[in-house]
């Protein structure tokens, strides 16, 4: 697996903000939802996500830079003069030594933990560490909610329920899905930061959404009914006669779920689009339309 800094295209001394920015740019370009059927983009997206899971988390990044974990997040064997790294009976890796401190071994500094009392007086129960992950979801998944499966570096998976209306950067918690506790202490939690990918049609503004819809010149002049997409499916929208480009129509309750149990609104902006090929009949009408010659919208 490649170095995570190289995968994200950032230097080792890049700030966390620069790391996040690089990841988001790559994720938006490579996300499978935006590249259906493109296996190469999907593999690159997986690699970028795995790299960000390491250097996008400050704690993991520090451990990676110190050589305590590798690019997959797996712990590296400590130096032999300090501890002896050996596989356990069931094939899992455990720290062992002959100095009487084997029960205290983990990925953190042994003596710092001991002297700061992290493990409690008398080696009592200790809650496991929280684990941090990132998850990309489409705009519509964020709006409508659903269930996503998170793949962990060790091959395990977590099922996560996405609440309807989740926001970009919001952190979701899975209790007890973090690192295991010590001495019968509770397990830590999994903390998942959600990144909402941009949509080709919808733009979010709080609990409201905006969308631009093209209409013909006939529909603009005479009005009529058209079908427009919403987050819950297409609906019929009435275009009033004499509608100009930029006119905005509100669809009440067609936005995102809000904390009060209701929904925001959807705002539809109209855009007049002419036929791609010249229409002789339309040209003849415009040529003979005397009132049109006198009308100058730039003077309004």
C-alpha atoms as a PDB file:
ATOM      1  CA  UNK A   1       0.000   0.000   0.000  1.00  0.00           C
ATOM      2  CA  UNK A   2       1.350   3.457  -0.939  1.00  0.00           C
ATOM      3  CA  UNK A   3       2.399   6.100   1.549  1.00  0.00           C
ATOM      4  CA  UNK A   4      -0.805   7.967   2.552  1.00  0.00           C
ATOM      5  CA  UNK A   5       0.819  11.369   2.016  1.00  0.00           C
ATOM      6  CA  UNK A   6       1.732  10.395  -1.550  1.00  0.00           C
ATOM      7  CA  UNK A   7      -1.766   9.009  -2.167  1.00  0.00           C
ATOM      8  CA  UNK A   8      -3.355  12.315  -1.108  1.00  0.00           C
ATOM      9  CA  UNK A   9      -0.687  14.364  -2.890  1.00  0.00           C
ATOM     10  CA  UNK A  10       0.357  16.385   0.164  1.00  0.00           C
ATOM     11  CA  UNK A  11       3.748  16.849   1.874  1.00  0.00           C
ATOM     12  CA  UNK A  12       4.410  15.247   5.218  1.00  0.00           C
ATOM     13  CA  UNK A  13       4.314  18.630   6.974  1.00  0.00           C
ATOM     14  CA  UNK A  14       0.929  19.612   5.481  1.00  0.00           C
ATOM     15  CA  UNK A  15      -1.600  21.023   7.929  1.00  0.00           C
ATOM     16  CA  UNK A  16      -4.690  19.009   8.878  1.00  0.00           C
ATOM     17  CA  UNK A  17      -6.771  21.528   6.953  1.00  0.00           C
ATOM     18  CA  UNK A  18      -4.678  20.999   3.809  1.00  0.00           C
ATOM     19  CA  UNK A  19      -4.940  17.228   4.232  1.00  0.00           C
ATOM     20  CA  UNK A  20      -8.723  17.452   4.524  1.00  0.00           C
ATOM     21  CA  UNK A  21      -8.950  19.770   1.530  1.00  0.00           C
ATOM     22  CA  UNK A  22      -6.861  17.428  -0.636  1.00  0.00           C
ATOM     23  CA  UNK A  23      -8.982  14.458   0.401  1.00  0.00           C
ATOM     24  CA  UNK A  24     -12.266  16.188  -0.362  1.00  0.00           C
ATOM     25  CA  UNK A  25     -11.109  17.265  -3.823  1.00  0.00           C
ATOM     26  CA  UNK A  26     -10.053  13.719  -4.678  1.00  0.00           C
ATOM     27  CA  UNK A  27     -13.180  12.173  -3.150  1.00  0.00           C
ATOM     28  CA  UNK A  28     -15.468  14.441  -5.128  1.00  0.00           C
ATOM     29  CA  UNK A  29     -13.666  13.532  -8.355  1.00  0.00           C
ATOM     30  CA  UNK A  30     -13.329   9.784  -7.753  1.00  0.00           C
ATOM     31  CA  UNK A  31     -16.512   8.861  -5.826  1.00  0.00           C
ATOM     32  CA  UNK A  32     -18.220   5.765  -7.380  1.00  0.00           C
ATOM     33  CA  UNK A  33     -21.592   7.549  -7.440  1.00  0.00           C
ATOM     34  CA  UNK A  34     -20.103  10.091  -9.843  1.00  0.00           C
ATOM     35  CA  UNK A  35     -18.188   7.486 -11.872  1.00  0.00           C
ATOM     36  CA  UNK A  36     -20.571   4.550 -12.335  1.00  0.00           C
ATOM     37  CA  UNK A  37     -18.895   1.491 -13.819  1.00  0.00           C
ATOM     38  CA  UNK A  38     -15.394   3.004 -13.609  1.00  0.00           C
ATOM     39  CA  UNK A  39     -13.443   0.377 -11.659  1.00  0.00           C
ATOM     40  CA  UNK A  40     -10.193   2.342 -11.814  1.00  0.00           C
ATOM     41  CA  UNK A  41     -11.788   5.379 -10.161  1.00  0.00           C
ATOM     42  CA  UNK A  42     -13.390   3.147  -7.543  1.00  0.00           C
ATOM     43  CA  UNK A  43     -10.034   1.596  -6.614  1.00  0.00           C
ATOM     44  CA  UNK A  44      -8.398   5.036  -6.412  1.00  0.00           C
ATOM     45  CA  UNK A  45     -11.274   6.231  -4.249  1.00  0.00           C
ATOM     46  CA  UNK A  46     -10.740   3.319  -1.852  1.00  0.00           C
ATOM     47  CA  UNK A  47      -7.020   4.090  -1.658  1.00  0.00           C
ATOM     48  CA  UNK A  48      -7.678   7.789  -1.017  1.00  0.00           C
ATOM     49  CA  UNK A  49     -10.221   6.964   1.717  1.00  0.00           C
ATOM     50  CA  UNK A  50      -7.801   4.543   3.384  1.00  0.00           C
ATOM     51  CA  UNK A  51      -5.013   7.136   3.269  1.00  0.00           C
ATOM     52  CA  UNK A  52      -7.254   9.800   4.804  1.00  0.00           C
ATOM     53  CA  UNK A  53      -8.313   7.404   7.551  1.00  0.00           C
ATOM     54  CA  UNK A  54      -4.671   7.483   8.673  1.00  0.00           C
ATOM     55  CA  UNK A  55      -3.395  11.041   8.156  1.00  0.00           C
ATOM     56  CA  UNK A  56      -6.803  12.697   8.440  1.00  0.00           C
ATOM     57  CA  UNK A  57      -6.949  11.602  12.078  1.00  0.00           C
ATOM     58  CA  UNK A  58      -4.438  13.575  14.156  1.00  0.00           C
ATOM     59  CA  UNK A  59      -3.835  10.757  16.619  1.00  0.00           C
ATOM     60  CA  UNK A  60      -3.293   8.122  13.929  1.00  0.00           C
ATOM     61  CA  UNK A  61      -1.178  10.541  11.910  1.00  0.00           C
ATOM     62  CA  UNK A  62       1.127  11.098  14.868  1.00  0.00           C
ATOM     63  CA  UNK A  63       1.473   7.342  15.384  1.00  0.00           C
ATOM     64  CA  UNK A  64       2.154   6.804  11.668  1.00  0.00           C
ATOM     65  CA  UNK A  65       4.813   9.523  11.631  1.00  0.00           C
ATOM     66  CA  UNK A  66       6.488   7.873  14.645  1.00  0.00           C
ATOM     67  CA  UNK A  67       6.370   4.465  12.961  1.00  0.00           C
ATOM     68  CA  UNK A  68       3.988   3.043  15.560  1.00  0.00           C
ATOM     69  CA  UNK A  69       1.426   2.045  12.899  1.00  0.00           C
ATOM     70  CA  UNK A  70       1.783   1.310   9.202  1.00  0.00           C
ATOM     71  CA  UNK A  71      -0.189   2.728   6.261  1.00  0.00           C
ATOM     72  CA  UNK A  72      -3.053   0.286   6.924  1.00  0.00           C
ATOM     73  CA  UNK A  73      -3.379   1.347  10.564  1.00  0.00           C
ATOM     74  CA  UNK A  74      -1.875  -1.886  11.892  1.00  0.00           C
ATOM     75  CA  UNK A  75       0.442  -1.558  14.870  1.00  0.00           C
ATOM     76  CA  UNK A  76       4.158  -1.934  14.205  1.00  0.00           C
ATOM     77  CA  UNK A  77       6.235  -4.156  16.428  1.00  0.00           C
ATOM     78  CA  UNK A  78       7.942  -2.157  19.220  1.00  0.00           C
ATOM     79  CA  UNK A  79      11.719  -2.268  19.547  1.00  0.00           C
ATOM     80  CA  UNK A  80      13.033  -5.436  21.101  1.00  0.00           C
ATOM     81  CA  UNK A  81      14.941  -3.730  23.952  1.00  0.00           C
ATOM     82  CA  UNK A  82      11.631  -2.428  25.278  1.00  0.00           C
ATOM     83  CA  UNK A  83       9.162  -5.244  24.574  1.00  0.00           C
ATOM     84  CA  UNK A  84       9.090  -8.537  22.793  1.00  0.00           C
ATOM     85  CA  UNK A  85       6.378  -8.835  20.160  1.00  0.00           C
ATOM     86  CA  UNK A  86       4.995 -12.360  19.755  1.00  0.00           C
ATOM     87  CA  UNK A  87       1.837 -13.958  18.375  1.00  0.00           C
ATOM     88  CA  UNK A  88      -0.695 -15.160  20.899  1.00  0.00           C
ATOM     89  CA  UNK A  89      -2.185 -18.618  21.141  1.00  0.00           C
ATOM     90  CA  UNK A  90      -5.036 -17.744  18.785  1.00  0.00           C
ATOM     91  CA  UNK A  91      -2.801 -16.087  16.216  1.00  0.00           C
ATOM     92  CA  UNK A  92      -3.475 -12.561  17.481  1.00  0.00           C
ATOM     93  CA  UNK A  93      -0.494 -10.337  18.240  1.00  0.00           C
ATOM     94  CA  UNK A  94       0.169  -9.635  21.903  1.00  0.00           C
ATOM     95  CA  UNK A  95       2.899  -7.860  23.800  1.00  0.00           C
ATOM     96  CA  UNK A  96       4.919 -10.048  26.130  1.00  0.00           C
ATOM     97  CA  UNK A  97       7.993  -9.502  28.246  1.00  0.00           C
ATOM     98  CA  UNK A  98       9.555 -10.951  31.357  1.00  0.00           C
ATOM     99  CA  UNK A  99       9.557  -7.735  33.400  1.00  0.00           C
ATOM    100  CA  UNK A 100       6.197  -8.206  35.061  1.00  0.00           C
ATOM    101  CA  UNK A 101       4.413  -5.468  33.062  1.00  0.00           C
ATOM    102  CA  UNK A 102       2.973  -7.558  30.235  1.00  0.00           C
ATOM    103  CA  UNK A 103      -0.628  -6.827  31.252  1.00  0.00           C
ATOM    104  CA  UNK A 104      -0.057  -3.103  30.700  1.00  0.00           C
ATOM    105  CA  UNK A 105       1.145  -3.354  27.071  1.00  0.00           C
ATOM    106  CA  UNK A 106      -0.734  -1.508  24.327  1.00  0.00           C
ATOM    107  CA  UNK A 107      -0.008   0.949  21.524  1.00  0.00           C
ATOM    108  CA  UNK A 108       0.501   3.910  23.872  1.00  0.00           C
ATOM    109  CA  UNK A 109       3.573   4.684  25.942  1.00  0.00           C
ATOM    110  CA  UNK A 110       3.675   2.118  28.757  1.00  0.00           C
ATOM    111  CA  UNK A 111       5.340   4.221  31.430  1.00  0.00           C
ATOM    112  CA  UNK A 112       3.490   7.454  30.602  1.00  0.00           C
ATOM    113  CA  UNK A 113       0.206   5.593  31.044  1.00  0.00           C
ATOM    114  CA  UNK A 114       1.384   4.061  34.290  1.00  0.00           C
ATOM    115  CA  UNK A 115       2.619   7.225  35.965  1.00  0.00           C
ATOM    116  CA  UNK A 116      -0.274   9.450  34.861  1.00  0.00           C
ATOM    117  CA  UNK A 117      -2.689   6.952  36.379  1.00  0.00           C
ATOM    118  CA  UNK A 118      -4.470   6.329  33.087  1.00  0.00           C
ATOM    119  CA  UNK A 119      -5.137   2.754  34.089  1.00  0.00           C
ATOM    120  CA  UNK A 120      -6.500   3.640  37.460  1.00  0.00           C
ATOM    121  CA  UNK A 121      -5.299   2.771  40.884  1.00  0.00           C
ATOM    122  CA  UNK A 122      -4.456  -0.882  41.224  1.00  0.00           C
ATOM    123  CA  UNK A 123      -4.862  -1.543  37.493  1.00  0.00           C
ATOM    124  CA  UNK A 124      -8.647  -1.209  37.575  1.00  0.00           C
ATOM    125  CA  UNK A 125     -11.039  -1.245  34.590  1.00  0.00           C
ATOM    126  CA  UNK A 126     -10.209   1.126  31.751  1.00  0.00           C
ATOM    127  CA  UNK A 127     -12.468   2.205  28.925  1.00  0.00           C
ATOM    128  CA  UNK A 128     -11.141   1.418  25.445  1.00  0.00           C
ATOM    129  CA  UNK A 129     -10.034   4.162  23.081  1.00  0.00           C
ATOM    130  CA  UNK A 130     -12.438   5.689  20.587  1.00  0.00           C
ATOM    131  CA  UNK A 131     -11.741   4.968  16.943  1.00  0.00           C
ATOM    132  CA  UNK A 132     -12.188   7.655  14.299  1.00  0.00           C
ATOM    133  CA  UNK A 133     -13.399   7.093  10.741  1.00  0.00           C
ATOM    134  CA  UNK A 134     -14.640   9.133   7.795  1.00  0.00           C
ATOM    135  CA  UNK A 135     -17.539   8.266   5.519  1.00  0.00           C
ATOM    136  CA  UNK A 136     -18.580   9.805   2.189  1.00  0.00           C
ATOM    137  CA  UNK A 137     -22.293   9.849   1.400  1.00  0.00           C
ATOM    138  CA  UNK A 138     -24.172  11.236  -1.575  1.00  0.00           C
ATOM    139  CA  UNK A 139     -26.344  14.332  -1.162  1.00  0.00           C
ATOM    140  CA  UNK A 140     -29.508  12.255  -1.498  1.00  0.00           C
ATOM    141  CA  UNK A 141     -28.316   9.687   1.033  1.00  0.00           C
ATOM    142  CA  UNK A 142     -27.710  12.536   3.458  1.00  0.00           C
ATOM    143  CA  UNK A 143     -31.157  13.964   2.748  1.00  0.00           C
ATOM    144  CA  UNK A 144     -33.149  10.739   2.954  1.00  0.00           C
ATOM    145  CA  UNK A 145     -31.027   8.685   5.362  1.00  0.00           C
ATOM    146  CA  UNK A 146     -30.262   4.988   5.061  1.00  0.00           C
ATOM    147  CA  UNK A 147     -27.709   2.380   6.057  1.00  0.00           C
ATOM    148  CA  UNK A 148     -24.048   2.264   5.015  1.00  0.00           C
ATOM    149  CA  UNK A 149     -21.360  -0.349   5.598  1.00  0.00           C
ATOM    150  CA  UNK A 150     -17.939   0.871   6.702  1.00  0.00           C
ATOM    151  CA  UNK A 151     -14.944  -1.335   5.879  1.00  0.00           C
ATOM    152  CA  UNK A 152     -12.174  -1.218   8.468  1.00  0.00           C
ATOM    153  CA  UNK A 153      -8.443  -1.635   7.710  1.00  0.00           C
ATOM    154  CA  UNK A 154      -8.451  -5.053   9.407  1.00  0.00           C
ATOM    155  CA  UNK A 155     -11.228  -6.325   7.118  1.00  0.00           C
ATOM    156  CA  UNK A 156     -14.038  -6.004   9.661  1.00  0.00           C
ATOM    157  CA  UNK A 157     -17.163  -3.996   8.853  1.00  0.00           C
ATOM    158  CA  UNK A 158     -19.516  -1.686  10.736  1.00  0.00           C
ATOM    159  CA  UNK A 159     -23.162  -1.041   9.873  1.00  0.00           C
ATOM    160  CA  UNK A 160     -24.034   2.631  10.270  1.00  0.00           C
ATOM    161  CA  UNK A 161     -27.490   4.176  10.145  1.00  0.00           C
ATOM    162  CA  UNK A 162     -27.398   7.542   8.385  1.00  0.00           C
ATOM    163  CA  UNK A 163     -30.045   9.839   9.907  1.00  0.00           C
ATOM    164  CA  UNK A 164     -32.115  11.792   7.378  1.00  0.00           C
ATOM    165  CA  UNK A 165     -30.820  15.343   7.087  1.00  0.00           C
ATOM    166  CA  UNK A 166     -27.267  14.616   8.281  1.00  0.00           C
ATOM    167  CA  UNK A 167     -24.905  17.532   7.638  1.00  0.00           C
ATOM    168  CA  UNK A 168     -21.442  17.684   6.143  1.00  0.00           C
ATOM    169  CA  UNK A 169     -18.868  17.301   8.922  1.00  0.00           C
ATOM    170  CA  UNK A 170     -21.362  15.860  11.416  1.00  0.00           C
ATOM    171  CA  UNK A 171     -19.914  13.116  13.626  1.00  0.00           C
ATOM    172  CA  UNK A 172     -21.972   9.991  14.283  1.00  0.00           C
ATOM    173  CA  UNK A 173     -21.241   7.706  17.236  1.00  0.00           C
ATOM    174  CA  UNK A 174     -21.459   3.916  17.387  1.00  0.00           C
ATOM    175  CA  UNK A 175     -21.250   3.037  21.052  1.00  0.00           C
ATOM    176  CA  UNK A 176     -19.047   0.110  21.985  1.00  0.00           C
ATOM    177  CA  UNK A 177     -17.573  -0.246  18.477  1.00  0.00           C
ATOM    178  CA  UNK A 178     -14.179   1.236  19.304  1.00  0.00           C
ATOM    179  CA  UNK A 179     -11.096  -0.347  20.844  1.00  0.00           C
ATOM    180  CA  UNK A 180     -11.732  -3.032  23.493  1.00  0.00           C
ATOM    181  CA  UNK A 181     -11.570  -2.055  27.149  1.00  0.00           C
ATOM    182  CA  UNK A 182      -8.941  -3.275  29.593  1.00  0.00           C
ATOM    183  CA  UNK A 183      -9.475  -5.242  32.776  1.00  0.00           C
ATOM    184  CA  UNK A 184     -13.222  -5.620  32.122  1.00  0.00           C
ATOM    185  CA  UNK A 185     -13.584  -1.947  31.246  1.00  0.00           C
ATOM    186  CA  UNK A 186     -16.136  -0.888  28.601  1.00  0.00           C
ATOM    187  CA  UNK A 187     -15.215  -0.777  24.932  1.00  0.00           C
ATOM    188  CA  UNK A 188     -14.631   2.585  23.290  1.00  0.00           C
ATOM    189  CA  UNK A 189     -16.864   4.092  20.613  1.00  0.00           C
ATOM    190  CA  UNK A 190     -16.521   4.452  16.849  1.00  0.00           C
ATOM    191  CA  UNK A 191     -16.771   8.094  15.765  1.00  0.00           C
ATOM    192  CA  UNK A 192     -17.633   8.572  12.103  1.00  0.00           C
ATOM    193  CA  UNK A 193     -17.285  11.978  10.449  1.00  0.00           C
ATOM    194  CA  UNK A 194     -19.703  12.278   7.534  1.00  0.00           C
ATOM    195  CA  UNK A 195     -18.655  14.027   4.328  1.00  0.00           C
ATOM    196  CA  UNK A 196     -21.579  14.904   2.029  1.00  0.00           C
ATOM    197  CA  UNK A 197     -20.655  14.902  -1.651  1.00  0.00           C
ATOM    198  CA  UNK A 198     -22.032  17.627  -3.931  1.00  0.00           C
ATOM    199  CA  UNK A 199     -25.045  16.874  -6.108  1.00  0.00           C
ATOM    200  CA  UNK A 200     -25.428  17.731  -9.794  1.00  0.00           C
ATOM    201  CA  UNK A 201     -28.900  19.219  -9.269  1.00  0.00           C
ATOM    202  CA  UNK A 202     -29.497  20.169  -5.632  1.00  0.00           C
ATOM    203  CA  UNK A 203     -27.742  22.788  -3.507  1.00  0.00           C
ATOM    204  CA  UNK A 204     -28.328  22.820   0.233  1.00  0.00           C
ATOM    205  CA  UNK A 205     -29.026  26.005   2.215  1.00  0.00           C
ATOM    206  CA  UNK A 206     -29.657  24.983   5.806  1.00  0.00           C
ATOM    207  CA  UNK A 207     -32.785  22.830   5.708  1.00  0.00           C
ATOM    208  CA  UNK A 208     -33.797  24.239   2.310  1.00  0.00           C
ATOM    209  CA  UNK A 209     -32.624  23.102  -1.128  1.00  0.00           C
ATOM    210  CA  UNK A 210     -32.336  24.974  -4.405  1.00  0.00           C
ATOM    211  CA  UNK A 211     -32.523  23.674  -7.951  1.00  0.00           C
ATOM    212  CA  UNK A 212     -32.411  25.312 -11.378  1.00  0.00           C
ATOM    213  CA  UNK A 213     -34.915  23.992 -13.949  1.00  0.00           C
ATOM    214  CA  UNK A 214     -34.839  24.816 -17.689  1.00  0.00           C
ATOM    215  CA  UNK A 215     -38.103  25.848 -19.415  1.00  0.00           C
ATOM    216  CA  UNK A 216     -38.972  26.601 -23.027  1.00  0.00           C
ATOM    217  CA  UNK A 217     -39.841  30.079 -24.267  1.00  0.00           C
ATOM    218  CA  UNK A 218     -43.418  28.877 -24.831  1.00  0.00           C
ATOM    219  CA  UNK A 219     -43.690  27.742 -21.208  1.00  0.00           C
ATOM    220  CA  UNK A 220     -42.201  31.046 -20.076  1.00  0.00           C
ATOM    221  CA  UNK A 221     -44.726  33.112 -22.058  1.00  0.00           C
ATOM    222  CA  UNK A 222     -47.884  31.033 -21.721  1.00  0.00           C
ATOM    223  CA  UNK A 223     -47.192  29.193 -18.459  1.00  0.00           C
ATOM    224  CA  UNK A 224     -48.061  25.548 -17.905  1.00  0.00           C
ATOM    225  CA  UNK A 225     -47.258  22.505 -15.801  1.00  0.00           C
ATOM    226  CA  UNK A 226     -43.889  20.771 -15.757  1.00  0.00           C
ATOM    227  CA  UNK A 227     -42.386  17.935 -13.716  1.00  0.00           C
ATOM    228  CA  UNK A 228     -39.470  18.837 -11.459  1.00  0.00           C
ATOM    229  CA  UNK A 229     -37.307  16.554  -9.301  1.00  0.00           C
ATOM    230  CA  UNK A 230     -37.395  16.718  -5.509  1.00  0.00           C
ATOM    231  CA  UNK A 231     -35.573  14.719  -2.872  1.00  0.00           C
ATOM    232  CA  UNK A 232     -38.656  12.515  -2.495  1.00  0.00           C
ATOM    233  CA  UNK A 233     -39.455  12.129  -6.217  1.00  0.00           C
ATOM    234  CA  UNK A 234     -40.738  14.207  -9.120  1.00  0.00           C
ATOM    235  CA  UNK A 235     -43.731  16.529  -8.605  1.00  0.00           C
ATOM    236  CA  UNK A 236     -45.891  18.696 -10.873  1.00  0.00           C
ATOM    237  CA  UNK A 237     -45.093  22.414 -10.790  1.00  0.00           C
ATOM    238  CA  UNK A 238     -47.250  25.185 -12.251  1.00  0.00           C
ATOM    239  CA  UNK A 239     -45.322  27.829 -14.208  1.00  0.00           C
ATOM    240  CA  UNK A 240     -47.179  31.160 -14.169  1.00  0.00           C
ATOM    241  CA  UNK A 241     -47.499  32.988 -17.515  1.00  0.00           C
ATOM    242  CA  UNK A 242     -44.868  35.585 -18.386  1.00  0.00           C
ATOM    243  CA  UNK A 243     -42.124  33.985 -16.255  1.00  0.00           C
ATOM    244  CA  UNK A 244     -38.583  35.281 -16.732  1.00  0.00           C
ATOM    245  CA  UNK A 245     -35.291  33.500 -16.176  1.00  0.00           C
ATOM    246  CA  UNK A 246     -34.457  33.719 -12.478  1.00  0.00           C
ATOM    247  CA  UNK A 247     -38.050  33.566 -11.278  1.00  0.00           C
ATOM    248  CA  UNK A 248     -38.151  31.384  -8.175  1.00  0.00           C
ATOM    249  CA  UNK A 249     -41.046  29.189  -7.087  1.00  0.00           C
ATOM    250  CA  UNK A 250     -41.242  27.629  -3.615  1.00  0.00           C
ATOM    251  CA  UNK A 251     -42.248  24.023  -3.017  1.00  0.00           C
ATOM    252  CA  UNK A 252     -43.204  23.992   0.649  1.00  0.00           C
ATOM    253  CA  UNK A 253     -41.972  21.046   2.729  1.00  0.00           C
ATOM    254  CA  UNK A 254     -39.825  19.562  -0.059  1.00  0.00           C
ATOM    255  CA  UNK A 255     -36.516  20.367   1.605  1.00  0.00           C
ATOM    256  CA  UNK A 256     -34.508  18.410   4.179  1.00  0.00           C
ATOM    257  CA  UNK A 257     -35.750  17.119   7.537  1.00  0.00           C
ATOM    258  CA  UNK A 258     -35.247  19.548  10.405  1.00  0.00           C
ATOM    259  CA  UNK A 259     -34.890  19.129  14.167  1.00  0.00           C
ATOM    260  CA  UNK A 260     -38.510  20.148  14.753  1.00  0.00           C
ATOM    261  CA  UNK A 261     -39.871  17.119  12.914  1.00  0.00           C
ATOM    262  CA  UNK A 262     -40.770  19.018   9.765  1.00  0.00           C
ATOM    263  CA  UNK A 263     -38.980  19.757   6.509  1.00  0.00           C
ATOM    264  CA  UNK A 264     -37.419  22.760   4.856  1.00  0.00           C
ATOM    265  CA  UNK A 265     -38.569  24.016   1.464  1.00  0.00           C
ATOM    266  CA  UNK A 266     -37.357  23.560  -2.084  1.00  0.00           C
ATOM    267  CA  UNK A 267     -36.797  26.641  -4.247  1.00  0.00           C
ATOM    268  CA  UNK A 268     -37.025  26.163  -8.017  1.00  0.00           C
ATOM    269  CA  UNK A 269     -35.285  28.787 -10.172  1.00  0.00           C
ATOM    270  CA  UNK A 270     -36.457  28.964 -13.794  1.00  0.00           C
ATOM    271  CA  UNK A 271     -34.097  29.318 -16.745  1.00  0.00           C
ATOM    272  CA  UNK A 272     -35.386  29.948 -20.275  1.00  0.00           C
ATOM    273  CA  UNK A 273     -33.611  27.775 -22.844  1.00  0.00           C
ATOM    274  CA  UNK A 274     -34.033  28.268 -26.607  1.00  0.00           C
ATOM    275  CA  UNK A 275     -34.008  25.405 -29.132  1.00  0.00           C
ATOM    276  CA  UNK A 276     -30.519  24.305 -30.132  1.00  0.00           C
ATOM    277  CA  UNK A 277     -31.437  24.722 -33.814  1.00  0.00           C
ATOM    278  CA  UNK A 278     -32.847  27.875 -35.381  1.00  0.00           C
ATOM    279  CA  UNK A 279     -36.644  27.907 -35.755  1.00  0.00           C
ATOM    280  CA  UNK A 280     -37.880  29.858 -38.803  1.00  0.00           C
ATOM    281  CA  UNK A 281     -41.374  30.284 -37.399  1.00  0.00           C
ATOM    282  CA  UNK A 282     -40.019  31.739 -34.183  1.00  0.00           C
ATOM    283  CA  UNK A 283     -37.726  34.035 -36.149  1.00  0.00           C
ATOM    284  CA  UNK A 284     -40.613  35.298 -38.305  1.00  0.00           C
ATOM    285  CA  UNK A 285     -42.688  36.011 -35.212  1.00  0.00           C
ATOM    286  CA  UNK A 286     -39.888  37.897 -33.511  1.00  0.00           C
ATOM    287  CA  UNK A 287     -39.204  39.919 -36.672  1.00  0.00           C
ATOM    288  CA  UNK A 288     -42.831  41.040 -36.870  1.00  0.00           C
ATOM    289  CA  UNK A 289     -43.298  41.587 -33.124  1.00  0.00           C
ATOM    290  CA  UNK A 290     -43.346  45.379 -32.918  1.00  0.00           C
ATOM    291  CA  UNK A 291     -43.921  45.497 -29.159  1.00  0.00           C
ATOM    292  CA  UNK A 292     -40.832  43.358 -28.698  1.00  0.00           C
ATOM    293  CA  UNK A 293     -38.738  45.931 -30.544  1.00  0.00           C
ATOM    294  CA  UNK A 294     -39.800  48.631 -28.125  1.00  0.00           C
ATOM    295  CA  UNK A 295     -39.219  46.545 -24.977  1.00  0.00           C
ATOM    296  CA  UNK A 296     -35.781  46.932 -23.400  1.00  0.00           C
ATOM    297  CA  UNK A 297     -35.398  44.882 -20.177  1.00  0.00           C
ATOM    298  CA  UNK A 298     -32.078  46.603 -19.392  1.00  0.00           C
ATOM    299  CA  UNK A 299     -33.938  49.807 -18.659  1.00  0.00           C
ATOM    300  CA  UNK A 300     -36.066  48.232 -15.928  1.00  0.00           C
END
